[in-house]
Amino acid sequence: MDNLWLKIKIWTKVVIISVVVIFLLIFVMENANKEITIWWWFGREVATTALMLIGTLLVRVAAKTMRQVRELKQHNANLQMRQDVAEIKTKAAMLQTKPPITPSDAANKGN
């Protein structure tokens, strides 16, 4: 029975991915040569294709997301390091230290 559910899950994923790929191919074919004009700033307009605009936006979003993930990882690493240092300081404070040996103590031990 487990094998049946595994096959159903796999084939469901294959069908969904296939539908998405087919949609993307149709989308690319339909929008590859569609000219659009983008208003940029005070009357300046840029002529480009819809596919180029969408590609540019996707690349920008992906780059920004990767930068945010990197910053989050760095922040978490710094936070973990601070927690480790605080833990080490707490453990070090709990350690018992020997009292310093004075010359009179040393003389008494020698007798």
N, C-alpha and C. Protein backbone atom coordinates (compact mmCIF):
# COMPACT_ATOMS: atom_id res chain seq x y z
N MET A 1 0.82 -1.19 0.00
CA MET A 1 0.00 0.00 0.00
C MET A 1 0.87 1.26 0.00
N ASP A 2 1.98 1.21 0.76
CA ASP A 2 2.89 2.36 0.79
C ASP A 2 3.44 2.66 -0.60
N ASN A 3 3.73 1.60 -1.32
CA ASN A 3 4.28 1.74 -2.66
C ASN A 3 3.29 2.46 -3.58
N LEU A 4 2.01 2.19 -3.43
CA LEU A 4 0.99 2.83 -4.24
C LEU A 4 0.95 4.33 -3.98
N TRP A 5 0.97 4.71 -2.69
CA TRP A 5 0.94 6.14 -2.35
C TRP A 5 2.20 6.85 -2.85
N LEU A 6 3.31 6.19 -2.78
CA LEU A 6 4.56 6.77 -3.29
C LEU A 6 4.46 7.01 -4.79
N LYS A 7 3.91 6.04 -5.52
CA LYS A 7 3.73 6.21 -6.96
C LYS A 7 2.76 7.34 -7.27
N ILE A 8 1.69 7.44 -6.50
CA ILE A 8 0.72 8.53 -6.72
C ILE A 8 1.38 9.89 -6.48
N LYS A 9 2.18 10.00 -5.42
CA LYS A 9 2.86 11.27 -5.13
C LYS A 9 3.83 11.64 -6.26
N ILE A 10 4.59 10.66 -6.70
CA ILE A 10 5.57 10.91 -7.76
C ILE A 10 4.88 11.34 -9.05
N TRP A 11 3.84 10.61 -9.45
CA TRP A 11 3.16 10.95 -10.70
C TRP A 11 2.42 12.28 -10.60
N THR A 12 1.91 12.60 -9.44
CA THR A 12 1.28 13.91 -9.25
C THR A 12 2.30 15.02 -9.46
N LYS A 13 3.47 14.87 -8.87
CA LYS A 13 4.52 15.87 -9.05
C LYS A 13 4.96 15.96 -10.51
N VAL A 14 5.08 14.83 -11.18
CA VAL A 14 5.49 14.82 -12.58
C VAL A 14 4.45 15.55 -13.44
N VAL A 15 3.18 15.30 -13.19
CA VAL A 15 2.12 15.95 -13.96
C VAL A 15 2.12 17.46 -13.71
N ILE A 16 2.24 17.87 -12.45
CA ILE A 16 2.23 19.30 -12.12
C ILE A 16 3.43 20.00 -12.77
N ILE A 17 4.60 19.40 -12.66
CA ILE A 17 5.80 20.01 -13.26
C ILE A 17 5.66 20.07 -14.78
N SER A 18 5.11 19.04 -15.37
CA SER A 18 4.92 19.03 -16.83
C SER A 18 3.96 20.14 -17.27
N VAL A 19 2.87 20.31 -16.55
CA VAL A 19 1.91 21.37 -16.88
C VAL A 19 2.57 22.75 -16.76
N VAL A 20 3.35 22.95 -15.70
CA VAL A 20 4.03 24.24 -15.52
C VAL A 20 5.04 24.47 -16.64
N VAL A 21 5.80 23.46 -17.02
CA VAL A 21 6.78 23.61 -18.10
C VAL A 21 6.09 23.92 -19.42
N ILE A 22 5.00 23.22 -19.71
CA ILE A 22 4.25 23.49 -20.95
C ILE A 22 3.72 24.91 -20.95
N PHE A 23 3.17 25.36 -19.81
CA PHE A 23 2.67 26.73 -19.71
C PHE A 23 3.80 27.73 -19.95
N LEU A 24 4.95 27.49 -19.34
CA LEU A 24 6.08 28.41 -19.52
C LEU A 24 6.55 28.45 -20.97
N LEU A 25 6.59 27.31 -21.63
CA LEU A 25 6.98 27.30 -23.04
C LEU A 25 6.00 28.08 -23.90
N ILE A 26 4.71 27.89 -23.67
CA ILE A 26 3.70 28.65 -24.42
C ILE A 26 3.82 30.14 -24.11
N PHE A 27 4.03 30.47 -22.85
CA PHE A 27 4.18 31.86 -22.44
C PHE A 27 5.37 32.51 -23.15
N VAL A 28 6.49 31.80 -23.18
CA VAL A 28 7.69 32.34 -23.82
C VAL A 28 7.45 32.51 -25.32
N MET A 29 6.84 31.53 -25.95
CA MET A 29 6.59 31.63 -27.40
C MET A 29 5.66 32.79 -27.72
N GLU A 30 4.65 33.01 -26.90
CA GLU A 30 3.68 34.07 -27.16
C GLU A 30 4.26 35.46 -26.88
N ASN A 31 5.16 35.57 -25.90
CA ASN A 31 5.64 36.88 -25.49
C ASN A 31 7.06 37.20 -25.95
N ALA A 32 7.66 36.33 -26.71
CA ALA A 32 9.05 36.55 -27.11
C ALA A 32 9.20 37.78 -27.99
N ASN A 33 8.26 38.05 -28.85
CA ASN A 33 8.41 39.17 -29.78
C ASN A 33 7.40 40.29 -29.56
N LYS A 34 6.65 40.26 -28.48
CA LYS A 34 5.68 41.32 -28.21
C LYS A 34 6.41 42.56 -27.74
N GLU A 35 6.28 43.62 -28.50
CA GLU A 35 6.91 44.88 -28.15
C GLU A 35 6.05 45.61 -27.12
N ILE A 36 6.71 46.13 -26.09
CA ILE A 36 6.03 46.96 -25.12
C ILE A 36 6.87 48.21 -24.89
N THR A 37 6.21 49.27 -24.45
CA THR A 37 6.90 50.52 -24.16
C THR A 37 6.72 50.80 -22.67
N ILE A 38 7.82 51.03 -22.00
CA ILE A 38 7.80 51.27 -20.56
C ILE A 38 8.10 52.74 -20.31
N TRP A 39 7.24 53.39 -19.54
CA TRP A 39 7.49 54.78 -19.15
C TRP A 39 8.53 54.74 -18.05
N TRP A 40 9.62 55.49 -18.24
CA TRP A 40 10.72 55.42 -17.29
C TRP A 40 10.74 56.62 -16.37
N TRP A 41 10.88 57.84 -16.93
CA TRP A 41 11.00 59.01 -16.08
C TRP A 41 10.76 60.26 -16.91
N PHE A 42 9.75 61.02 -16.58
CA PHE A 42 9.42 62.29 -17.22
C PHE A 42 9.51 62.24 -18.74
N GLY A 43 8.71 61.42 -19.31
CA GLY A 43 8.62 61.37 -20.76
C GLY A 43 9.62 60.44 -21.43
N ARG A 44 10.55 59.93 -20.71
CA ARG A 44 11.51 58.99 -21.29
C ARG A 44 10.87 57.61 -21.32
N GLU A 45 10.83 57.02 -22.48
CA GLU A 45 10.21 55.71 -22.64
C GLU A 45 11.22 54.73 -23.23
N VAL A 46 11.11 53.49 -22.80
CA VAL A 46 12.02 52.45 -23.27
C VAL A 46 11.19 51.39 -23.99
N ALA A 47 11.59 51.06 -25.20
CA ALA A 47 10.91 50.01 -25.96
C ALA A 47 11.67 48.70 -25.76
N THR A 48 10.96 47.67 -25.38
CA THR A 48 11.56 46.36 -25.15
C THR A 48 10.51 45.29 -25.41
N THR A 49 10.88 44.05 -25.21
CA THR A 49 9.91 42.97 -25.35
C THR A 49 9.37 42.58 -23.97
N ALA A 50 8.21 41.99 -23.95
CA ALA A 50 7.61 41.57 -22.69
C ALA A 50 8.47 40.52 -22.01
N LEU A 51 9.05 39.65 -22.80
CA LEU A 51 9.89 38.60 -22.24
C LEU A 51 11.14 39.18 -21.57
N MET A 52 11.73 40.19 -22.20
CA MET A 52 12.91 40.83 -21.62
C MET A 52 12.56 41.53 -20.30
N LEU A 53 11.42 42.18 -20.26
CA LEU A 53 10.99 42.86 -19.03
C LEU A 53 10.77 41.85 -17.91
N ILE A 54 10.06 40.78 -18.20
CA ILE A 54 9.78 39.77 -17.17
C ILE A 54 11.08 39.10 -16.73
N GLY A 55 11.95 38.81 -17.67
CA GLY A 55 13.24 38.21 -17.31
C GLY A 55 14.06 39.12 -16.42
N THR A 56 14.08 40.41 -16.74
CA THR A 56 14.81 41.38 -15.93
C THR A 56 14.25 41.45 -14.52
N LEU A 57 12.93 41.49 -14.41
CA LEU A 57 12.31 41.54 -13.10
C LEU A 57 12.60 40.27 -12.29
N LEU A 58 12.54 39.11 -12.95
CA LEU A 58 12.81 37.86 -12.24
C LEU A 58 14.26 37.79 -11.75
N VAL A 59 15.19 38.23 -12.58
CA VAL A 59 16.59 38.21 -12.19
C VAL A 59 16.81 39.14 -11.00
N ARG A 60 16.19 40.31 -11.03
CA ARG A 60 16.34 41.28 -9.94
C ARG A 60 15.76 40.71 -8.64
N VAL A 61 14.58 40.12 -8.72
CA VAL A 61 13.95 39.55 -7.53
C VAL A 61 14.79 38.40 -6.99
N ALA A 62 15.32 37.56 -7.87
CA ALA A 62 16.15 36.44 -7.43
C ALA A 62 17.42 36.94 -6.75
N ALA A 63 18.06 37.95 -7.32
CA ALA A 63 19.29 38.49 -6.73
C ALA A 63 19.01 39.10 -5.36
N LYS A 64 17.92 39.84 -5.26
CA LYS A 64 17.57 40.46 -3.98
C LYS A 64 17.26 39.40 -2.94
N THR A 65 16.57 38.35 -3.33
CA THR A 65 16.24 37.27 -2.40
C THR A 65 17.49 36.56 -1.93
N MET A 66 18.42 36.29 -2.84
CA MET A 66 19.67 35.64 -2.45
C MET A 66 20.45 36.51 -1.48
N ARG A 67 20.48 37.83 -1.72
CA ARG A 67 21.18 38.74 -0.81
C ARG A 67 20.53 38.73 0.57
N GLN A 68 19.19 38.71 0.62
CA GLN A 68 18.49 38.66 1.90
C GLN A 68 18.75 37.35 2.63
N VAL A 69 18.82 36.25 1.92
CA VAL A 69 19.11 34.96 2.54
C VAL A 69 20.52 34.97 3.12
N ARG A 70 21.48 35.54 2.35
CA ARG A 70 22.85 35.64 2.85
C ARG A 70 22.92 36.48 4.11
N GLU A 71 22.21 37.63 4.13
CA GLU A 71 22.20 38.50 5.30
C GLU A 71 21.57 37.79 6.49
N LEU A 72 20.52 37.03 6.25
CA LEU A 72 19.86 36.30 7.33
C LEU A 72 20.79 35.24 7.91
N LYS A 73 21.50 34.52 7.04
CA LYS A 73 22.45 33.51 7.52
C LYS A 73 23.56 34.16 8.35
N GLN A 74 24.06 35.31 7.88
CA GLN A 74 25.12 36.01 8.60
C GLN A 74 24.60 36.49 9.96
N HIS A 75 23.38 37.02 9.97
CA HIS A 75 22.79 37.49 11.22
C HIS A 75 22.63 36.34 12.20
N ASN A 76 22.14 35.19 11.72
CA ASN A 76 21.96 34.03 12.59
C ASN A 76 23.30 33.52 13.10
N ALA A 77 24.33 33.55 12.25
CA ALA A 77 25.66 33.11 12.69
C ALA A 77 26.20 34.05 13.77
N ASN A 78 26.01 35.35 13.59
CA ASN A 78 26.46 36.31 14.61
C ASN A 78 25.71 36.12 15.92
N LEU A 79 24.41 35.89 15.83
CA LEU A 79 23.60 35.66 17.02
C LEU A 79 24.06 34.40 17.74
N GLN A 80 24.31 33.33 16.99
CA GLN A 80 24.78 32.08 17.58
C GLN A 80 26.14 32.27 18.25
N MET A 81 27.02 33.05 17.61
CA MET A 81 28.34 33.29 18.17
C MET A 81 28.22 34.08 19.49
N ARG A 82 27.34 35.07 19.53
CA ARG A 82 27.13 35.83 20.77
C ARG A 82 26.61 34.93 21.87
N GLN A 83 25.68 34.03 21.53
CA GLN A 83 25.15 33.11 22.54
C GLN A 83 26.23 32.18 23.03
N ASP A 84 27.10 31.70 22.15
CA ASP A 84 28.19 30.82 22.55
C ASP A 84 29.17 31.53 23.47
N VAL A 85 29.50 32.78 23.14
CA VAL A 85 30.42 33.55 23.97
C VAL A 85 29.80 33.79 25.34
N ALA A 86 28.51 34.13 25.39
CA ALA A 86 27.85 34.34 26.68
C ALA A 86 27.84 33.06 27.50
N GLU A 87 27.63 31.92 26.85
CA GLU A 87 27.64 30.64 27.54
C GLU A 87 29.03 30.32 28.08
N ILE A 88 30.05 30.59 27.29
CA ILE A 88 31.43 30.35 27.73
C ILE A 88 31.77 31.23 28.92
N LYS A 89 31.35 32.50 28.88
CA LYS A 89 31.61 33.41 30.00
C LYS A 89 30.88 32.95 31.26
N THR A 90 29.67 32.44 31.10
CA THR A 90 28.92 31.95 32.25
C THR A 90 29.61 30.74 32.86
N LYS A 91 30.07 29.83 32.01
CA LYS A 91 30.77 28.65 32.51
C LYS A 91 32.09 29.03 33.17
N ALA A 92 32.79 30.00 32.60
CA ALA A 92 34.06 30.44 33.16
C ALA A 92 33.85 31.10 34.52
N ALA A 93 32.75 31.81 34.68
CA ALA A 93 32.48 32.45 35.97
C ALA A 93 32.15 31.42 37.04
N MET A 94 31.62 30.28 36.63
CA MET A 94 31.27 29.24 37.59
C MET A 94 32.47 28.44 38.06
N LEU A 95 33.57 28.50 37.34
CA LEU A 95 34.77 27.74 37.72
C LEU A 95 35.33 28.28 39.03
N GLN A 96 35.80 27.38 39.88
CA GLN A 96 36.40 27.81 41.14
C GLN A 96 37.88 28.04 40.89
N THR A 97 38.37 29.11 41.43
CA THR A 97 39.80 29.40 41.28
C THR A 97 40.48 29.22 42.63
N LYS A 98 41.74 28.86 42.58
CA LYS A 98 42.51 28.71 43.82
C LYS A 98 42.87 30.11 44.32
N PRO A 99 42.86 30.28 45.63
CA PRO A 99 43.29 31.58 46.17
C PRO A 99 44.79 31.74 45.93
N PRO A 100 45.23 32.97 45.73
CA PRO A 100 46.67 33.17 45.49
C PRO A 100 47.50 32.76 46.71
N ILE A 101 48.66 32.20 46.44
CA ILE A 101 49.55 31.75 47.51
C ILE A 101 50.40 32.93 47.97
N THR A 102 50.33 33.21 49.24
CA THR A 102 51.14 34.30 49.81
C THR A 102 52.44 33.70 50.34
N PRO A 103 53.46 34.51 50.51
CA PRO A 103 54.73 33.98 51.03
C PRO A 103 54.59 33.32 52.41
N SER A 104 53.68 33.81 53.25
CA SER A 104 53.53 33.21 54.58
C SER A 104 52.90 31.82 54.47
N ASP A 105 51.99 31.64 53.51
CA ASP A 105 51.39 30.32 53.29
C ASP A 105 52.46 29.33 52.82
N ALA A 106 53.33 29.78 51.95
CA ALA A 106 54.36 28.90 51.44
C ALA A 106 55.32 28.50 52.56
N ALA A 107 55.63 29.40 53.47
CA ALA A 107 56.53 29.10 54.57
C ALA A 107 55.89 28.11 55.54
N ASN A 108 54.59 28.22 55.76
CA ASN A 108 53.89 27.32 56.67
C ASN A 108 53.81 25.91 56.09
N LYS A 109 53.69 25.78 54.78
CA LYS A 109 53.62 24.47 54.15
C LYS A 109 54.96 23.77 54.22
N GLY A 110 56.00 24.52 54.16
CA GLY A 110 57.33 23.93 54.16
C GLY A 110 57.67 23.32 55.51
N ASN A 111 57.06 23.70 56.60
CA ASN A 111 57.38 23.20 57.94
C ASN A 111 56.77 21.91 58.20
